[in-house]
Amino acid sequence: MDDDNDGNYKKLNLEGCRVVGVDPGRKNLFVAVDQDEEITKCSTKEYYEIARFRKTREKREVWMNNNKYIQAIVRGKRCNPKIDRSINQ
């Protein structure tokens, strides 16, 4: 329903439309229910798997652990003494 600023509501024509209520949550990223009481939900764990956050983090950690230059950059250290000398001159 639409509020028209004076407290009265206008009826919406929802003929042929699918109405869905969405409830964001913590355990579940969301739970949605439509007018036919069909429930659709996505857990936070499912979302992280779909988005591949864990796999991406693991891959990044492997890259960092196997490359001393990346480790130095992440730790805020300079990694090329020749460049460091030319900057300081």
PDB file of N, CA and C in Angstrom:
ATOM      1  N   MET A   1       0.841  -1.191   0.000  1.00  0.00           N
ATOM      2  CA  MET A   1       0.000   0.000   0.000  1.00  0.00           C
ATOM      3  C   MET A   1       0.880   1.246   0.000  1.00  0.00           C
ATOM      4  N   ASP A   2       0.366   2.288  -0.544  1.00  0.00           N
ATOM      5  CA  ASP A   2       1.083   3.542  -0.677  1.00  0.00           C
ATOM      6  C   ASP A   2       0.503   4.576   0.273  1.00  0.00           C
ATOM      7  N   ASP A   3       1.335   5.284   1.012  1.00  0.00           N
ATOM      8  CA  ASP A   3       0.882   6.344   1.910  1.00  0.00           C
ATOM      9  C   ASP A   3       0.842   7.647   1.109  1.00  0.00           C
ATOM     10  N   ASP A   4      -0.285   8.349   1.160  1.00  0.00           N
ATOM     11  CA  ASP A   4      -0.380   9.605   0.403  1.00  0.00           C
ATOM     12  C   ASP A   4      -0.252  10.828   1.309  1.00  0.00           C
ATOM     13  N   ASN A   5       0.509  10.729   2.394  1.00  0.00           N
ATOM     14  CA  ASN A   5       0.873  11.810   3.319  1.00  0.00           C
ATOM     15  C   ASN A   5      -0.234  12.279   4.246  1.00  0.00           C
ATOM     16  N   ASP A   6      -1.487  11.915   4.046  1.00  0.00           N
ATOM     17  CA  ASP A   6      -2.525  12.343   4.994  1.00  0.00           C
ATOM     18  C   ASP A   6      -3.014  11.163   5.837  1.00  0.00           C
ATOM     19  N   GLY A   7      -2.257  10.071   5.840  1.00  0.00           N
ATOM     20  CA  GLY A   7      -2.612   8.919   6.659  1.00  0.00           C
ATOM     21  C   GLY A   7      -3.505   7.918   5.959  1.00  0.00           C
ATOM     22  N   ASN A   8      -4.026   8.270   4.799  1.00  0.00           N
ATOM     23  CA  ASN A   8      -4.853   7.333   4.043  1.00  0.00           C
ATOM     24  C   ASN A   8      -3.958   6.491   3.149  1.00  0.00           C
ATOM     25  N   TYR A   9      -4.401   5.307   2.899  1.00  0.00           N
ATOM     26  CA  TYR A   9      -3.628   4.407   2.053  1.00  0.00           C
ATOM     27  C   TYR A   9      -4.379   4.121   0.770  1.00  0.00           C
ATOM     28  N   LYS A  10      -3.630   3.973  -0.279  1.00  0.00           N
ATOM     29  CA  LYS A  10      -4.205   3.623  -1.570  1.00  0.00           C
ATOM     30  C   LYS A  10      -3.984   2.135  -1.790  1.00  0.00           C
ATOM     31  N   LYS A  11      -4.970   1.459  -2.325  1.00  0.00           N
ATOM     32  CA  LYS A  11      -4.816   0.051  -2.638  1.00  0.00           C
ATOM     33  C   LYS A  11      -3.986  -0.090  -3.905  1.00  0.00           C
ATOM     34  N   LEU A  12      -3.092  -1.052  -3.876  1.00  0.00           N
ATOM     35  CA  LEU A  12      -2.277  -1.342  -5.054  1.00  0.00           C
ATOM     36  C   LEU A  12      -2.911  -2.484  -5.825  1.00  0.00           C
ATOM     37  N   ASN A  13      -2.857  -2.406  -7.118  1.00  0.00           N
ATOM     38  CA  ASN A  13      -3.346  -3.496  -7.948  1.00  0.00           C
ATOM     39  C   ASN A  13      -2.189  -4.486  -8.129  1.00  0.00           C
ATOM     40  N   LEU A  14      -2.263  -5.620  -7.437  1.00  0.00           N
ATOM     41  CA  LEU A  14      -1.208  -6.618  -7.501  1.00  0.00           C
ATOM     42  C   LEU A  14      -1.628  -7.840  -8.304  1.00  0.00           C
ATOM     43  N   GLU A  15      -2.657  -7.663  -9.104  1.00  0.00           N
ATOM     44  CA  GLU A  15      -3.143  -8.753  -9.945  1.00  0.00           C
ATOM     45  C   GLU A  15      -2.016  -9.255 -10.853  1.00  0.00           C
ATOM     46  N   GLY A  16      -1.729 -10.537 -10.784  1.00  0.00           N
ATOM     47  CA  GLY A  16      -0.694 -11.138 -11.611  1.00  0.00           C
ATOM     48  C   GLY A  16       0.725 -10.893 -11.123  1.00  0.00           C
ATOM     49  N   CYS A  17       0.861 -10.227  -9.979  1.00  0.00           N
ATOM     50  CA  CYS A  17       2.190  -9.954  -9.430  1.00  0.00           C
ATOM     51  C   CYS A  17       2.525 -10.981  -8.345  1.00  0.00           C
ATOM     52  N   ARG A  18       3.790 -11.231  -8.173  1.00  0.00           N
ATOM     53  CA  ARG A  18       4.249 -12.115  -7.104  1.00  0.00           C
ATOM     54  C   ARG A  18       4.706 -11.234  -5.949  1.00  0.00           C
ATOM     55  N   VAL A  19       4.073 -11.358  -4.798  1.00  0.00           N
ATOM     56  CA  VAL A  19       4.406 -10.565  -3.625  1.00  0.00           C
ATOM     57  C   VAL A  19       5.340 -11.393  -2.748  1.00  0.00           C
ATOM     58  N   VAL A  20       6.470 -10.796  -2.362  1.00  0.00           N
ATOM     59  CA  VAL A  20       7.469 -11.507  -1.558  1.00  0.00           C
ATOM     60  C   VAL A  20       7.855 -10.633  -0.375  1.00  0.00           C
ATOM     61  N   GLY A  21       7.849 -11.234   0.816  1.00  0.00           N
ATOM     62  CA  GLY A  21       8.346 -10.572   2.015  1.00  0.00           C
ATOM     63  C   GLY A  21       9.755 -11.074   2.290  1.00  0.00           C
ATOM     64  N   VAL A  22      10.679 -10.153   2.572  1.00  0.00           N
ATOM     65  CA  VAL A  22      12.072 -10.530   2.801  1.00  0.00           C
ATOM     66  C   VAL A  22      12.469 -10.131   4.209  1.00  0.00           C
ATOM     67  N   ASP A  23      13.109 -11.075   4.921  1.00  0.00           N
ATOM     68  CA  ASP A  23      13.578 -10.830   6.281  1.00  0.00           C
ATOM     69  C   ASP A  23      15.087 -11.043   6.317  1.00  0.00           C
ATOM     70  N   PRO A  24      15.871  -9.965   6.415  1.00  0.00           N
ATOM     71  CA  PRO A  24      17.319 -10.140   6.548  1.00  0.00           C
ATOM     72  C   PRO A  24      17.631 -10.666   7.945  1.00  0.00           C
ATOM     73  N   GLY A  25      18.666 -11.444   8.055  1.00  0.00           N
ATOM     74  CA  GLY A  25      18.993 -11.999   9.356  1.00  0.00           C
ATOM     75  C   GLY A  25      20.478 -12.149   9.560  1.00  0.00           C
ATOM     76  N   ARG A  26      20.839 -12.874  10.636  1.00  0.00           N
ATOM     77  CA  ARG A  26      22.251 -13.110  10.936  1.00  0.00           C
ATOM     78  C   ARG A  26      22.675 -14.506  10.503  1.00  0.00           C
ATOM     79  N   LYS A  27      21.942 -15.517  10.961  1.00  0.00           N
ATOM     80  CA  LYS A  27      22.268 -16.886  10.564  1.00  0.00           C
ATOM     81  C   LYS A  27      21.974 -17.074   9.082  1.00  0.00           C
ATOM     82  N   ASN A  28      20.814 -16.613   8.668  1.00  0.00           N
ATOM     83  CA  ASN A  28      20.447 -16.633   7.260  1.00  0.00           C
ATOM     84  C   ASN A  28      20.633 -15.232   6.712  1.00  0.00           C
ATOM     85  N   LEU A  29      21.270 -15.147   5.561  1.00  0.00           N
ATOM     86  CA  LEU A  29      21.450 -13.851   4.925  1.00  0.00           C
ATOM     87  C   LEU A  29      20.088 -13.218   4.675  1.00  0.00           C
ATOM     88  N   PHE A  30      19.142 -14.063   4.228  1.00  0.00           N
ATOM     89  CA  PHE A  30      17.765 -13.616   4.073  1.00  0.00           C
ATOM     90  C   PHE A  30      16.843 -14.824   4.051  1.00  0.00           C
ATOM     91  N   VAL A  31      15.586 -14.573   4.389  1.00  0.00           N
ATOM     92  CA  VAL A  31      14.504 -15.546   4.225  1.00  0.00           C
ATOM     93  C   VAL A  31      13.389 -14.799   3.521  1.00  0.00           C
ATOM     94  N   ALA A  32      12.870 -15.359   2.448  1.00  0.00           N
ATOM     95  CA  ALA A  32      11.788 -14.721   1.696  1.00  0.00           C
ATOM     96  C   ALA A  32      10.611 -15.682   1.613  1.00  0.00           C
ATOM     97  N   VAL A  33       9.409 -15.118   1.729  1.00  0.00           N
ATOM     98  CA  VAL A  33       8.181 -15.908   1.642  1.00  0.00           C
ATOM     99  C   VAL A  33       7.245 -15.202   0.672  1.00  0.00           C
ATOM    100  N   ASP A  34       6.685 -15.964  -0.269  1.00  0.00           N
ATOM    101  CA  ASP A  34       5.745 -15.349  -1.199  1.00  0.00           C
ATOM    102  C   ASP A  34       4.307 -15.658  -0.775  1.00  0.00           C
ATOM    103  N   GLN A  35       3.343 -15.182  -1.564  1.00  0.00           N
ATOM    104  CA  GLN A  35       1.927 -15.317  -1.215  1.00  0.00           C
ATOM    105  C   GLN A  35       1.467 -16.776  -1.200  1.00  0.00           C
ATOM    106  N   ASP A  36       2.215 -17.651  -1.851  1.00  0.00           N
ATOM    107  CA  ASP A  36       1.879 -19.079  -1.846  1.00  0.00           C
ATOM    108  C   ASP A  36       2.597 -19.812  -0.717  1.00  0.00           C
ATOM    109  N   GLU A  37       3.214 -19.063   0.172  1.00  0.00           N
ATOM    110  CA  GLU A  37       3.968 -19.574   1.315  1.00  0.00           C
ATOM    111  C   GLU A  37       5.179 -20.401   0.892  1.00  0.00           C
ATOM    112  N   GLU A  38       5.703 -20.119  -0.297  1.00  0.00           N
ATOM    113  CA  GLU A  38       6.943 -20.752  -0.753  1.00  0.00           C
ATOM    114  C   GLU A  38       8.102 -20.013  -0.104  1.00  0.00           C
ATOM    115  N   ILE A  39       8.942 -20.748   0.601  1.00  0.00           N
ATOM    116  CA  ILE A  39      10.048 -20.144   1.341  1.00  0.00           C
ATOM    117  C   ILE A  39      11.342 -20.303   0.553  1.00  0.00           C
ATOM    118  N   THR A  40      12.063 -19.217   0.423  1.00  0.00           N
ATOM    119  CA  THR A  40      13.380 -19.213  -0.199  1.00  0.00           C
ATOM    120  C   THR A  40      14.335 -18.595   0.797  1.00  0.00           C
ATOM    121  N   LYS A  41      15.464 -19.252   1.046  1.00  0.00           N
ATOM    122  CA  LYS A  41      16.416 -18.669   1.982  1.00  0.00           C
ATOM    123  C   LYS A  41      17.835 -18.973   1.546  1.00  0.00           C
ATOM    124  N   CYS A  42      18.743 -18.160   2.041  1.00  0.00           N
ATOM    125  CA  CYS A  42      20.165 -18.327   1.757  1.00  0.00           C
ATOM    126  C   CYS A  42      20.904 -18.085   3.061  1.00  0.00           C
ATOM    127  N   SER A  43      21.572 -19.123   3.546  1.00  0.00           N
ATOM    128  CA  SER A  43      22.334 -18.969   4.786  1.00  0.00           C
ATOM    129  C   SER A  43      23.594 -18.157   4.509  1.00  0.00           C
ATOM    130  N   THR A  44      24.147 -17.582   5.547  1.00  0.00           N
ATOM    131  CA  THR A  44      25.387 -16.837   5.409  1.00  0.00           C
ATOM    132  C   THR A  44      26.482 -17.767   4.898  1.00  0.00           C
ATOM    133  N   LYS A  45      26.498 -19.010   5.381  1.00  0.00           N
ATOM    134  CA  LYS A  45      27.484 -19.990   4.929  1.00  0.00           C
ATOM    135  C   LYS A  45      27.346 -20.253   3.423  1.00  0.00           C
ATOM    136  N   GLU A  46      26.092 -20.432   2.957  1.00  0.00           N
ATOM    137  CA  GLU A  46      25.856 -20.631   1.523  1.00  0.00           C
ATOM    138  C   GLU A  46      26.361 -19.434   0.720  1.00  0.00           C
ATOM    139  N   TYR A  47      26.077 -18.221   1.208  1.00  0.00           N
ATOM    140  CA  TYR A  47      26.496 -17.004   0.522  1.00  0.00           C
ATOM    141  C   TYR A  47      28.016 -16.951   0.386  1.00  0.00           C
ATOM    142  N   TYR A  48      28.723 -17.259   1.458  1.00  0.00           N
ATOM    143  CA  TYR A  48      30.175 -17.236   1.418  1.00  0.00           C
ATOM    144  C   TYR A  48      30.717 -18.280   0.443  1.00  0.00           C
ATOM    145  N   GLU A  49      30.055 -19.436   0.357  1.00  0.00           N
ATOM    146  CA  GLU A  49      30.468 -20.468  -0.597  1.00  0.00           C
ATOM    147  C   GLU A  49      30.189 -20.024  -2.035  1.00  0.00           C
ATOM    148  N   ILE A  50      29.006 -19.471  -2.272  1.00  0.00           N
ATOM    149  CA  ILE A  50      28.641 -19.004  -3.616  1.00  0.00           C
ATOM    150  C   ILE A  50      29.602 -17.913  -4.074  1.00  0.00           C
ATOM    151  N   ALA A  51      29.935 -16.994  -3.174  1.00  0.00           N
ATOM    152  CA  ALA A  51      30.823 -15.877  -3.516  1.00  0.00           C
ATOM    153  C   ALA A  51      32.294 -16.294  -3.520  1.00  0.00           C
ATOM    154  N   ARG A  52      32.575 -17.505  -3.065  1.00  0.00           N
ATOM    155  CA  ARG A  52      33.927 -18.073  -3.041  1.00  0.00           C
ATOM    156  C   ARG A  52      34.893 -17.270  -2.177  1.00  0.00           C
ATOM    157  N   PHE A  53      34.385 -16.667  -1.101  1.00  0.00           N
ATOM    158  CA  PHE A  53      35.238 -15.886  -0.208  1.00  0.00           C
ATOM    159  C   PHE A  53      36.333 -16.738   0.423  1.00  0.00           C
ATOM    160  N   ARG A  54      35.992 -17.939   0.886  1.00  0.00           N
ATOM    161  CA  ARG A  54      36.970 -18.800   1.557  1.00  0.00           C
ATOM    162  C   ARG A  54      38.064 -19.233   0.580  1.00  0.00           C
ATOM    163  N   LYS A  55      37.664 -19.669  -0.611  1.00  0.00           N
ATOM    164  CA  LYS A  55      38.649 -20.102  -1.617  1.00  0.00           C
ATOM    165  C   LYS A  55      39.574 -18.953  -2.013  1.00  0.00           C
ATOM    166  N   THR A  56      39.012 -17.761  -2.164  1.00  0.00           N
ATOM    167  CA  THR A  56      39.810 -16.599  -2.539  1.00  0.00           C
ATOM    168  C   THR A  56      40.818 -16.270  -1.444  1.00  0.00           C
ATOM    169  N   ARG A  57      40.373 -16.310  -0.193  1.00  0.00           N
ATOM    170  CA  ARG A  57      41.270 -16.030   0.935  1.00  0.00           C
ATOM    171  C   ARG A  57      42.396 -17.051   0.985  1.00  0.00           C
ATOM    172  N   GLU A  58      42.058 -18.328   0.803  1.00  0.00           N
ATOM    173  CA  GLU A  58      43.074 -19.381   0.831  1.00  0.00           C
ATOM    174  C   GLU A  58      44.096 -19.190  -0.294  1.00  0.00           C
ATOM    175  N   LYS A  59      43.623 -18.846  -1.483  1.00  0.00           N
ATOM    176  CA  LYS A  59      44.520 -18.624  -2.620  1.00  0.00           C
ATOM    177  C   LYS A  59      45.441 -17.440  -2.344  1.00  0.00           C
ATOM    178  N   ARG A  60      44.892 -16.358  -1.787  1.00  0.00           N
ATOM    179  CA  ARG A  60      45.679 -15.175  -1.459  1.00  0.00           C
ATOM    180  C   ARG A  60      46.761 -15.517  -0.427  1.00  0.00           C
ATOM    181  N   GLU A  61      46.405 -16.321   0.569  1.00  0.00           N
ATOM    182  CA  GLU A  61      47.376 -16.714   1.595  1.00  0.00           C
ATOM    183  C   GLU A  61      48.514 -17.536   0.992  1.00  0.00           C
ATOM    184  N   VAL A  62      48.198 -18.429   0.048  1.00  0.00           N
ATOM    185  CA  VAL A  62      49.239 -19.221  -0.615  1.00  0.00           C
ATOM    186  C   VAL A  62      50.177 -18.298  -1.380  1.00  0.00           C
ATOM    187  N   TRP A  63      49.629 -17.350  -2.131  1.00  0.00           N
ATOM    188  CA  TRP A  63      50.461 -16.413  -2.882  1.00  0.00           C
ATOM    189  C   TRP A  63      51.383 -15.636  -1.939  1.00  0.00           C
ATOM    190  N   MET A  64      50.803 -15.149  -0.847  1.00  0.00           N
ATOM    191  CA  MET A  64      51.588 -14.354   0.095  1.00  0.00           C
ATOM    192  C   MET A  64      52.675 -15.198   0.753  1.00  0.00           C
ATOM    193  N   ASN A  65      52.353 -16.407   1.131  1.00  0.00           N
ATOM    194  CA  ASN A  65      53.325 -17.259   1.811  1.00  0.00           C
ATOM    195  C   ASN A  65      54.443 -17.727   0.881  1.00  0.00           C
ATOM    196  N   ASN A  66      54.202 -17.751  -0.407  1.00  0.00           N
ATOM    197  CA  ASN A  66      55.192 -18.239  -1.362  1.00  0.00           C
ATOM    198  C   ASN A  66      55.976 -17.136  -2.066  1.00  0.00           C
ATOM    199  N   ASN A  67      55.737 -15.886  -1.707  1.00  0.00           N
ATOM    200  CA  ASN A  67      56.418 -14.785  -2.390  1.00  0.00           C
ATOM    201  C   ASN A  67      56.926 -13.784  -1.359  1.00  0.00           C
ATOM    202  N   LYS A  68      58.239 -13.739  -1.178  1.00  0.00           N
ATOM    203  CA  LYS A  68      58.815 -12.867  -0.150  1.00  0.00           C
ATOM    204  C   LYS A  68      58.589 -11.383  -0.449  1.00  0.00           C
ATOM    205  N   TYR A  69      58.456 -11.028  -1.731  1.00  0.00           N
ATOM    206  CA  TYR A  69      58.230  -9.628  -2.077  1.00  0.00           C
ATOM    207  C   TYR A  69      56.829  -9.176  -1.664  1.00  0.00           C
ATOM    208  N   ILE A  70      55.856 -10.033  -1.891  1.00  0.00           N
ATOM    209  CA  ILE A  70      54.495  -9.703  -1.458  1.00  0.00           C
ATOM    210  C   ILE A  70      54.438  -9.625   0.062  1.00  0.00           C
ATOM    211  N   GLN A  71      55.109 -10.531   0.749  1.00  0.00           N
ATOM    212  CA  GLN A  71      55.142 -10.491   2.218  1.00  0.00           C
ATOM    213  C   GLN A  71      55.736  -9.172   2.697  1.00  0.00           C
ATOM    214  N   ALA A  72      56.810  -8.737   2.063  1.00  0.00           N
ATOM    215  CA  ALA A  72      57.456  -7.489   2.449  1.00  0.00           C
ATOM    216  C   ALA A  72      56.534  -6.297   2.228  1.00  0.00           C
ATOM    217  N   ILE A  73      55.832  -6.287   1.102  1.00  0.00           N
ATOM    218  CA  ILE A  73      54.908  -5.178   0.813  1.00  0.00           C
ATOM    219  C   ILE A  73      53.787  -5.143   1.838  1.00  0.00           C
ATOM    220  N   VAL A  74      53.205  -6.297   2.133  1.00  0.00           N
ATOM    221  CA  VAL A  74      52.102  -6.366   3.092  1.00  0.00           C
ATOM    222  C   VAL A  74      52.562  -5.924   4.477  1.00  0.00           C
ATOM    223  N   ARG A  75      53.790  -6.267   4.814  1.00  0.00           N
ATOM    224  CA  ARG A  75      54.325  -5.909   6.140  1.00  0.00           C
ATOM    225  C   ARG A  75      54.892  -4.500   6.171  1.00  0.00           C
ATOM    226  N   GLY A  76      54.833  -3.788   5.035  1.00  0.00           N
ATOM    227  CA  GLY A  76      55.279  -2.403   4.990  1.00  0.00           C
ATOM    228  C   GLY A  76      56.783  -2.245   4.845  1.00  0.00           C
ATOM    229  N   LYS A  77      57.463  -3.294   4.410  1.00  0.00           N
ATOM    230  CA  LYS A  77      58.913  -3.227   4.227  1.00  0.00           C
ATOM    231  C   LYS A  77      59.214  -2.995   2.752  1.00  0.00           C
ATOM    232  N   ARG A  78      60.337  -2.361   2.499  1.00  0.00           N
ATOM    233  CA  ARG A  78      60.766  -2.177   1.121  1.00  0.00           C
ATOM    234  C   ARG A  78      61.442  -3.468   0.664  1.00  0.00           C
ATOM    235  N   CYS A  79      61.265  -3.814  -0.600  1.00  0.00           N
ATOM    236  CA  CYS A  79      61.741  -5.121  -1.040  1.00  0.00           C
ATOM    237  C   CYS A  79      62.833  -5.067  -2.103  1.00  0.00           C
ATOM    238  N   ASN A  80      63.198  -3.895  -2.605  1.00  0.00           N
ATOM    239  CA  ASN A  80      64.230  -3.824  -3.632  1.00  0.00           C
ATOM    240  C   ASN A  80      65.248  -2.760  -3.236  1.00  0.00           C
ATOM    241  N   PRO A  81      66.415  -3.180  -2.732  1.00  0.00           N
ATOM    242  CA  PRO A  81      67.418  -2.215  -2.257  1.00  0.00           C
ATOM    243  C   PRO A  81      67.877  -1.241  -3.335  1.00  0.00           C
ATOM    244  N   LYS A  82      67.958  -1.664  -4.605  1.00  0.00           N
ATOM    245  CA  LYS A  82      68.392  -0.762  -5.672  1.00  0.00           C
ATOM    246  C   LYS A  82      67.408   0.390  -5.831  1.00  0.00           C
ATOM    247  N   ILE A  83      66.131   0.075  -5.801  1.00  0.00           N
ATOM    248  CA  ILE A  83      65.111   1.127  -5.913  1.00  0.00           C
ATOM    249  C   ILE A  83      65.172   2.030  -4.690  1.00  0.00           C
ATOM    250  N   ASP A  84      65.334   1.433  -3.507  1.00  0.00           N
ATOM    251  CA  ASP A  84      65.396   2.223  -2.283  1.00  0.00           C
ATOM    252  C   ASP A  84      66.541   3.230  -2.349  1.00  0.00           C
ATOM    253  N   ARG A  85      67.729   2.820  -2.831  1.00  0.00           N
ATOM    254  CA  ARG A  85      68.881   3.728  -2.919  1.00  0.00           C
ATOM    255  C   ARG A  85      68.604   4.851  -3.898  1.00  0.00           C
ATOM    256  N   SER A  86      67.975   4.557  -5.036  1.00  0.00           N
ATOM    257  CA  SER A  86      67.725   5.603  -6.026  1.00  0.00           C
ATOM    258  C   SER A  86      66.687   6.610  -5.534  1.00  0.00           C
ATOM    259  N   ILE A  87      65.754   6.169  -4.722  1.00  0.00           N
ATOM    260  CA  ILE A  87      64.748   7.078  -4.164  1.00  0.00           C
ATOM    261  C   ILE A  87      65.392   8.012  -3.148  1.00  0.00           C
ATOM    262  N   ASN A  88      66.308   7.488  -2.341  1.00  0.00           N
ATOM    263  CA  ASN A  88      66.922   8.279  -1.277  1.00  0.00           C
ATOM    264  C   ASN A  88      68.009   9.228  -1.776  1.00  0.00           C
ATOM    265  N   GLN A  89      68.438   9.114  -3.037  1.00  0.00           N
ATOM    266  CA  GLN A  89      69.516   9.990  -3.552  1.00  0.00           C
ATOM    267  C   GLN A  89      68.990  11.291  -4.043  1.00  0.00           C
TER     268      GLN A  89
END
